[in-house]
PDB file of N, CA and C in Angstrom:
ATOM      1  N   MET A   1      42.138 -23.397 -14.554  1.00  0.00           N
ATOM      2  CA  MET A   1      41.156 -24.448 -14.446  1.00  0.00           C
ATOM      3  C   MET A   1      40.111 -24.118 -13.369  1.00  0.00           C
ATOM      4  N   ARG A   2      40.567 -23.634 -12.265  1.00  0.00           N
ATOM      5  CA  ARG A   2      39.683 -23.267 -11.173  1.00  0.00           C
ATOM      6  C   ARG A   2      38.764 -22.115 -11.593  1.00  0.00           C
ATOM      7  N   PHE A   3      39.305 -21.133 -12.292  1.00  0.00           N
ATOM      8  CA  PHE A   3      38.531 -19.997 -12.778  1.00  0.00           C
ATOM      9  C   PHE A   3      37.423 -20.466 -13.716  1.00  0.00           C
ATOM     10  N   LYS A   4      37.734 -21.415 -14.586  1.00  0.00           N
ATOM     11  CA  LYS A   4      36.759 -21.946 -15.539  1.00  0.00           C
ATOM     12  C   LYS A   4      35.619 -22.639 -14.790  1.00  0.00           C
ATOM     13  N   LYS A   5      35.925 -23.372 -13.740  1.00  0.00           N
ATOM     14  CA  LYS A   5      34.894 -24.040 -12.954  1.00  0.00           C
ATOM     15  C   LYS A   5      33.990 -23.030 -12.260  1.00  0.00           C
ATOM     16  N   ILE A   6      34.594 -21.984 -11.751  1.00  0.00           N
ATOM     17  CA  ILE A   6      33.816 -20.946 -11.073  1.00  0.00           C
ATOM     18  C   ILE A   6      32.894 -20.241 -12.057  1.00  0.00           C
ATOM     19  N   VAL A   7      33.415 -19.914 -13.236  1.00  0.00           N
ATOM     20  CA  VAL A   7      32.603 -19.247 -14.255  1.00  0.00           C
ATOM     21  C   VAL A   7      31.467 -20.163 -14.698  1.00  0.00           C
ATOM     22  N   THR A   8      31.765 -21.435 -14.905  1.00  0.00           N
ATOM     23  CA  THR A   8      30.740 -22.397 -15.315  1.00  0.00           C
ATOM     24  C   THR A   8      29.681 -22.540 -14.221  1.00  0.00           C
ATOM     25  N   LEU A   9      30.118 -22.623 -12.990  1.00  0.00           N
ATOM     26  CA  LEU A   9      29.194 -22.727 -11.862  1.00  0.00           C
ATOM     27  C   LEU A   9      28.294 -21.494 -11.778  1.00  0.00           C
ATOM     28  N   LEU A  10      28.878 -20.334 -11.922  1.00  0.00           N
ATOM     29  CA  LEU A  10      28.085 -19.099 -11.898  1.00  0.00           C
ATOM     30  C   LEU A  10      27.112 -19.042 -13.064  1.00  0.00           C
ATOM     31  N   PHE A  11      27.536 -19.515 -14.219  1.00  0.00           N
ATOM     32  CA  PHE A  11      26.679 -19.527 -15.403  1.00  0.00           C
ATOM     33  C   PHE A  11      25.444 -20.401 -15.164  1.00  0.00           C
ATOM     34  N   PHE A  12      25.650 -21.623 -14.673  1.00  0.00           N
ATOM     35  CA  PHE A  12      24.527 -22.522 -14.413  1.00  0.00           C
ATOM     36  C   PHE A  12      23.678 -22.036 -13.248  1.00  0.00           C
ATOM     37  N   LEU A  13      24.328 -21.450 -12.287  1.00  0.00           N
ATOM     38  CA  LEU A  13      23.605 -20.918 -11.137  1.00  0.00           C
ATOM     39  C   LEU A  13      22.689 -19.767 -11.556  1.00  0.00           C
ATOM     40  N   SER A  14      23.170 -18.943 -12.460  1.00  0.00           N
ATOM     41  CA  SER A  14      22.339 -17.831 -12.926  1.00  0.00           C
ATOM     42  C   SER A  14      21.106 -18.340 -13.669  1.00  0.00           C
ATOM     43  N   PHE A  15      21.247 -19.415 -14.428  1.00  0.00           N
ATOM     44  CA  PHE A  15      20.083 -19.982 -15.115  1.00  0.00           C
ATOM     45  C   PHE A  15      19.146 -20.681 -14.145  1.00  0.00           C
ATOM     46  N   SER A  16      19.676 -21.298 -13.134  1.00  0.00           N
ATOM     47  CA  SER A  16      18.813 -21.992 -12.176  1.00  0.00           C
ATOM     48  C   SER A  16      18.059 -21.012 -11.291  1.00  0.00           C
ATOM     49  N   LEU A  17      18.610 -19.832 -11.047  1.00  0.00           N
ATOM     50  CA  LEU A  17      17.937 -18.838 -10.212  1.00  0.00           C
ATOM     51  C   LEU A  17      16.969 -17.965 -10.994  1.00  0.00           C
ATOM     52  N   SER A  18      17.080 -17.923 -12.287  1.00  0.00           N
ATOM     53  CA  SER A  18      16.212 -17.055 -13.069  1.00  0.00           C
ATOM     54  C   SER A  18      14.732 -17.413 -12.938  1.00  0.00           C
ATOM     55  N   PRO A  19      14.318 -18.701 -12.845  1.00  0.00           N
ATOM     56  CA  PRO A  19      12.898 -18.976 -12.620  1.00  0.00           C
ATOM     57  C   PRO A  19      12.394 -18.421 -11.296  1.00  0.00           C
ATOM     58  N   LEU A  20      13.246 -18.411 -10.279  1.00  0.00           N
ATOM     59  CA  LEU A  20      12.836 -17.831  -9.003  1.00  0.00           C
ATOM     60  C   LEU A  20      12.558 -16.345  -9.145  1.00  0.00           C
ATOM     61  N   ALA A  21      13.398 -15.681  -9.909  1.00  0.00           N
ATOM     62  CA  ALA A  21      13.196 -14.253 -10.144  1.00  0.00           C
ATOM     63  C   ALA A  21      11.911 -14.040 -10.938  1.00  0.00           C
ATOM     64  N   GLN A  22      11.642 -14.918 -11.893  1.00  0.00           N
ATOM     65  CA  GLN A  22      10.407 -14.804 -12.674  1.00  0.00           C
ATOM     66  C   GLN A  22       9.191 -15.044 -11.801  1.00  0.00           C
ATOM     67  N   ASP A  23       9.288 -16.003 -10.873  1.00  0.00           N
ATOM     68  CA  ASP A  23       8.178 -16.257  -9.967  1.00  0.00           C
ATOM     69  C   ASP A  23       7.894 -15.040  -9.099  1.00  0.00           C
ATOM     70  N   LYS A  24       8.944 -14.397  -8.672  1.00  0.00           N
ATOM     71  CA  LYS A  24       8.756 -13.211  -7.839  1.00  0.00           C
ATOM     72  C   LYS A  24       8.055 -12.117  -8.633  1.00  0.00           C
ATOM     73  N   THR A  25       8.445 -11.909  -9.875  1.00  0.00           N
ATOM     74  CA  THR A  25       7.776 -10.887 -10.672  1.00  0.00           C
ATOM     75  C   THR A  25       6.336 -11.294 -10.955  1.00  0.00           C
ATOM     76  N   ALA A  26       6.100 -12.596 -11.129  1.00  0.00           N
ATOM     77  CA  ALA A  26       4.728 -13.047 -11.330  1.00  0.00           C
ATOM     78  C   ALA A  26       3.900 -12.785 -10.075  1.00  0.00           C
ATOM     79  N   GLU A  27       4.510 -12.992  -8.922  1.00  0.00           N
ATOM     80  CA  GLU A  27       3.814 -12.718  -7.668  1.00  0.00           C
ATOM     81  C   GLU A  27       3.533 -11.223  -7.529  1.00  0.00           C
ATOM     82  N   GLU A  28       4.497 -10.407  -7.899  1.00  0.00           N
ATOM     83  CA  GLU A  28       4.297  -8.958  -7.840  1.00  0.00           C
ATOM     84  C   GLU A  28       3.194  -8.535  -8.804  1.00  0.00           C
ATOM     85  N   GLU A  29       3.179  -9.115 -10.003  1.00  0.00           N
ATOM     86  CA  GLU A  29       2.123  -8.798 -10.967  1.00  0.00           C
ATOM     87  C   GLU A  29       0.758  -9.202 -10.421  1.00  0.00           C
ATOM     88  N   TYR A  30       0.698 -10.347  -9.774  1.00  0.00           N
ATOM     89  CA  TYR A  30      -0.557 -10.804  -9.183  1.00  0.00           C
ATOM     90  C   TYR A  30      -1.030  -9.827  -8.109  1.00  0.00           C
ATOM     91  N   LEU A  31      -0.100  -9.397  -7.252  1.00  0.00           N
ATOM     92  CA  LEU A  31      -0.464  -8.450  -6.197  1.00  0.00           C
ATOM     93  C   LEU A  31      -0.945  -7.127  -6.785  1.00  0.00           C
ATOM     94  N   GLU A  32      -0.286  -6.667  -7.835  1.00  0.00           N
ATOM     95  CA  GLU A  32      -0.708  -5.432  -8.490  1.00  0.00           C
ATOM     96  C   GLU A  32      -2.094  -5.593  -9.107  1.00  0.00           C
ATOM     97  N   SER A  33      -2.343  -6.742  -9.732  1.00  0.00           N
ATOM     98  CA  SER A  33      -3.653  -6.953 -10.333  1.00  0.00           C
ATOM     99  C   SER A  33      -4.735  -7.022  -9.261  1.00  0.00           C
ATOM    100  N   MET A  34      -4.396  -7.587  -8.105  1.00  0.00           N
ATOM    101  CA  MET A  34      -5.364  -7.632  -7.014  1.00  0.00           C
ATOM    102  C   MET A  34      -5.643  -6.227  -6.480  1.00  0.00           C
ATOM    103  N   LYS A  35      -4.606  -5.394  -6.419  1.00  0.00           N
ATOM    104  CA  LYS A  35      -4.800  -4.015  -5.966  1.00  0.00           C
ATOM    105  C   LYS A  35      -5.693  -3.256  -6.931  1.00  0.00           C
ATOM    106  N   THR A  36      -5.441  -3.416  -8.234  1.00  0.00           N
ATOM    107  CA  THR A  36      -6.281  -2.720  -9.211  1.00  0.00           C
ATOM    108  C   THR A  36      -7.702  -3.258  -9.175  1.00  0.00           C
ATOM    109  N   ARG A  37      -7.835  -4.565  -8.935  1.00  0.00           N
ATOM    110  CA  ARG A  37      -9.173  -5.157  -8.834  1.00  0.00           C
ATOM    111  C   ARG A  37      -9.916  -4.552  -7.646  1.00  0.00           C
ATOM    112  N   GLU A  38      -9.236  -4.442  -6.509  1.00  0.00           N
ATOM    113  CA  GLU A  38      -9.850  -3.855  -5.319  1.00  0.00           C
ATOM    114  C   GLU A  38     -10.243  -2.404  -5.562  1.00  0.00           C
ATOM    115  N   LYS A  39      -9.385  -1.669  -6.272  1.00  0.00           N
ATOM    116  CA  LYS A  39      -9.711  -0.278  -6.593  1.00  0.00           C
ATOM    117  C   LYS A  39     -10.951  -0.201  -7.471  1.00  0.00           C
ATOM    118  N   MET A  40     -11.039  -1.089  -8.454  1.00  0.00           N
ATOM    119  CA  MET A  40     -12.203  -1.092  -9.341  1.00  0.00           C
ATOM    120  C   MET A  40     -13.469  -1.458  -8.572  1.00  0.00           C
ATOM    121  N   ILE A  41     -13.365  -2.404  -7.639  1.00  0.00           N
ATOM    122  CA  ILE A  41     -14.522  -2.779  -6.829  1.00  0.00           C
ATOM    123  C   ILE A  41     -14.966  -1.606  -5.967  1.00  0.00           C
ATOM    124  N   LEU A  42     -14.007  -0.882  -5.377  1.00  0.00           N
ATOM    125  CA  LEU A  42     -14.355   0.281  -4.562  1.00  0.00           C
ATOM    126  C   LEU A  42     -15.016   1.373  -5.398  1.00  0.00           C
ATOM    127  N   LYS A  43     -14.506   1.581  -6.619  1.00  0.00           N
ATOM    128  CA  LYS A  43     -15.122   2.573  -7.500  1.00  0.00           C
ATOM    129  C   LYS A  43     -16.539   2.166  -7.857  1.00  0.00           C
ATOM    130  N   ALA A  44     -16.754   0.878  -8.110  1.00  0.00           N
ATOM    131  CA  ALA A  44     -18.092   0.397  -8.449  1.00  0.00           C
ATOM    132  C   ALA A  44     -19.045   0.567  -7.272  1.00  0.00           C
ATOM    133  N   LYS A  45     -18.570   0.264  -6.064  1.00  0.00           N
ATOM    134  CA  LYS A  45     -19.399   0.438  -4.874  1.00  0.00           C
ATOM    135  C   LYS A  45     -19.748   1.903  -4.666  1.00  0.00           C
ATOM    136  N   LYS A  46     -18.761   2.774  -4.886  1.00  0.00           N
ATOM    137  CA  LYS A  46     -18.987   4.208  -4.733  1.00  0.00           C
ATOM    138  C   LYS A  46     -20.022   4.694  -5.749  1.00  0.00           C
ATOM    139  N   ALA A  47     -19.895   4.223  -6.983  1.00  0.00           N
ATOM    140  CA  ALA A  47     -20.845   4.617  -8.014  1.00  0.00           C
ATOM    141  C   ALA A  47     -22.246   4.111  -7.673  1.00  0.00           C
ATOM    142  N   LYS A  48     -22.341   2.906  -7.131  1.00  0.00           N
ATOM    143  CA  LYS A  48     -23.630   2.339  -6.746  1.00  0.00           C
ATOM    144  C   LYS A  48     -24.281   3.177  -5.661  1.00  0.00           C
ATOM    145  N   VAL A  49     -23.493   3.560  -4.655  1.00  0.00           N
ATOM    146  CA  VAL A  49     -24.022   4.378  -3.556  1.00  0.00           C
ATOM    147  C   VAL A  49     -24.477   5.734  -4.083  1.00  0.00           C
ATOM    148  N   GLU A  50     -23.670   6.336  -4.965  1.00  0.00           N
ATOM    149  CA  GLU A  50     -24.056   7.634  -5.531  1.00  0.00           C
ATOM    150  C   GLU A  50     -25.347   7.517  -6.328  1.00  0.00           C
ATOM    151  N   LEU A  51     -25.490   6.438  -7.079  1.00  0.00           N
ATOM    152  CA  LEU A  51     -26.713   6.237  -7.860  1.00  0.00           C
ATOM    153  C   LEU A  51     -27.916   6.049  -6.944  1.00  0.00           C
ATOM    154  N   GLU A  52     -27.745   5.285  -5.872  1.00  0.00           N
ATOM    155  CA  GLU A  52     -28.842   5.099  -4.919  1.00  0.00           C
ATOM    156  C   GLU A  52     -29.245   6.422  -4.286  1.00  0.00           C
ATOM    157  N   LEU A  53     -28.266   7.266  -3.974  1.00  0.00           N
ATOM    158  CA  LEU A  53     -28.589   8.581  -3.396  1.00  0.00           C
ATOM    159  C   LEU A  53     -29.356   9.440  -4.390  1.00  0.00           C
ATOM    160  N   LYS A  54     -28.939   9.398  -5.657  1.00  0.00           N
ATOM    161  CA  LYS A  54     -29.643  10.172  -6.674  1.00  0.00           C
ATOM    162  C   LYS A  54     -31.081   9.688  -6.829  1.00  0.00           C
ATOM    163  N   ILE A  55     -31.267   8.363  -6.767  1.00  0.00           N
ATOM    164  CA  ILE A  55     -32.616   7.811  -6.888  1.00  0.00           C
ATOM    165  C   ILE A  55     -33.472   8.255  -5.698  1.00  0.00           C
ATOM    166  N   ARG A  56     -32.900   8.204  -4.496  1.00  0.00           N
ATOM    167  CA  ARG A  56     -33.637   8.657  -3.313  1.00  0.00           C
ATOM    168  C   ARG A  56     -34.022  10.124  -3.429  1.00  0.00           C
ATOM    169  N   LYS A  57     -33.060  10.953  -3.864  1.00  0.00           N
ATOM    170  CA  LYS A  57     -33.345  12.387  -4.018  1.00  0.00           C
ATOM    171  C   LYS A  57     -34.450  12.598  -5.047  1.00  0.00           C
ATOM    172  N   TYR A  58     -34.401  11.842  -6.137  1.00  0.00           N
ATOM    173  CA  TYR A  58     -35.411  11.975  -7.186  1.00  0.00           C
ATOM    174  C   TYR A  58     -36.792  11.598  -6.653  1.00  0.00           C
ATOM    175  N   LYS A  59     -36.862  10.492  -5.879  1.00  0.00           N
ATOM    176  CA  LYS A  59     -38.138  10.062  -5.316  1.00  0.00           C
ATOM    177  C   LYS A  59     -38.686  11.097  -4.343  1.00  0.00           C
ATOM    178  N   ILE A  60     -37.803  11.663  -3.504  1.00  0.00           N
ATOM    179  CA  ILE A  60     -38.237  12.677  -2.545  1.00  0.00           C
ATOM    180  C   ILE A  60     -38.741  13.913  -3.280  1.00  0.00           C
ATOM    181  N   GLU A  61     -38.003  14.351  -4.305  1.00  0.00           N
ATOM    182  CA  GLU A  61     -38.427  15.519  -5.077  1.00  0.00           C
ATOM    183  C   GLU A  61     -39.743  15.246  -5.794  1.00  0.00           C
ATOM    184  N   LYS A  62     -39.901  14.033  -6.278  1.00  0.00           N
ATOM    185  CA  LYS A  62     -41.136  13.673  -6.968  1.00  0.00           C
ATOM    186  C   LYS A  62     -42.315  13.725  -6.004  1.00  0.00           C
ATOM    187  N   GLU A  63     -42.130  13.187  -4.770  1.00  0.00           N
ATOM    188  CA  GLU A  63     -43.190  13.233  -3.768  1.00  0.00           C
ATOM    189  C   GLU A  63     -43.507  14.668  -3.370  1.00  0.00           C
ATOM    190  N   LYS A  64     -42.471  15.480  -3.206  1.00  0.00           N
ATOM    191  CA  LYS A  64     -42.708  16.882  -2.856  1.00  0.00           C
ATOM    192  C   LYS A  64     -43.444  17.586  -3.981  1.00  0.00           C
ATOM    193  N   GLY A  65     -43.087  17.250  -5.205  1.00  0.00           N
ATOM    194  CA  GLY A  65     -43.752  17.847  -6.355  1.00  0.00           C
ATOM    195  C   GLY A  65     -45.227  17.486  -6.388  1.00  0.00           C
ATOM    196  N   LEU A  66     -45.542  16.249  -6.065  1.00  0.00           N
ATOM    197  CA  LEU A  66     -46.936  15.835  -6.023  1.00  0.00           C
ATOM    198  C   LEU A  66     -47.682  16.540  -4.904  1.00  0.00           C
ATOM    199  N   GLU A  67     -47.026  16.711  -3.751  1.00  0.00           N
ATOM    200  CA  GLU A  67     -47.655  17.421  -2.638  1.00  0.00           C
ATOM    201  C   GLU A  67     -47.911  18.871  -3.006  1.00  0.00           C
ATOM    202  N   LEU A  68     -46.950  19.526  -3.669  1.00  0.00           N
ATOM    203  CA  LEU A  68     -47.128  20.905  -4.080  1.00  0.00           C
ATOM    204  C   LEU A  68     -48.251  21.009  -5.106  1.00  0.00           C
ATOM    205  N   GLN A  69     -48.310  20.041  -6.011  1.00  0.00           N
ATOM    206  CA  GLN A  69     -49.353  20.064  -7.027  1.00  0.00           C
ATOM    207  C   GLN A  69     -50.738  19.920  -6.381  1.00  0.00           C
ATOM    208  N   GLU A  70     -50.845  19.043  -5.358  1.00  0.00           N
ATOM    209  CA  GLU A  70     -52.109  18.878  -4.647  1.00  0.00           C
ATOM    210  C   GLU A  70     -52.493  20.163  -3.932  1.00  0.00           C
ATOM    211  N   ASP A  71     -51.524  20.865  -3.362  1.00  0.00           N
ATOM    212  CA  ASP A  71     -51.814  22.126  -2.679  1.00  0.00           C
ATOM    213  C   ASP A  71     -52.349  23.153  -3.664  1.00  0.00           C
ATOM    214  N   TRP A  72     -51.795  23.206  -4.867  1.00  0.00           N
ATOM    215  CA  TRP A  72     -52.242  24.171  -5.854  1.00  0.00           C
ATOM    216  C   TRP A  72     -53.651  23.842  -6.339  1.00  0.00           C
ATOM    217  N   GLU A  73     -53.988  22.578  -6.400  1.00  0.00           N
ATOM    218  CA  GLU A  73     -55.325  22.193  -6.853  1.00  0.00           C
ATOM    219  C   GLU A  73     -56.389  22.601  -5.845  1.00  0.00           C
ATOM    220  N   LYS A  74     -56.031  22.639  -4.564  1.00  0.00           N
ATOM    221  CA  LYS A  74     -57.001  23.032  -3.532  1.00  0.00           C
ATOM    222  C   LYS A  74     -57.192  24.508  -3.591  1.00  0.00           C
TER     223      LYS A  74
END
């Protein structure tokens, strides 16, 4: 009789604790999604900076090209 009560108690206890375990995995999933989000934001920022550098280089080369062209015309 005592064994049956213990088994029943453990059975109900396992069901009552399972939502806590699910919450923990949900929290872990949330943290992982936040990490991936942060990584994506960093990649986007890096790409933006690289694009700005390319634009600056293009503008500088364009200005130098115009200066060289003016020198050749003289």
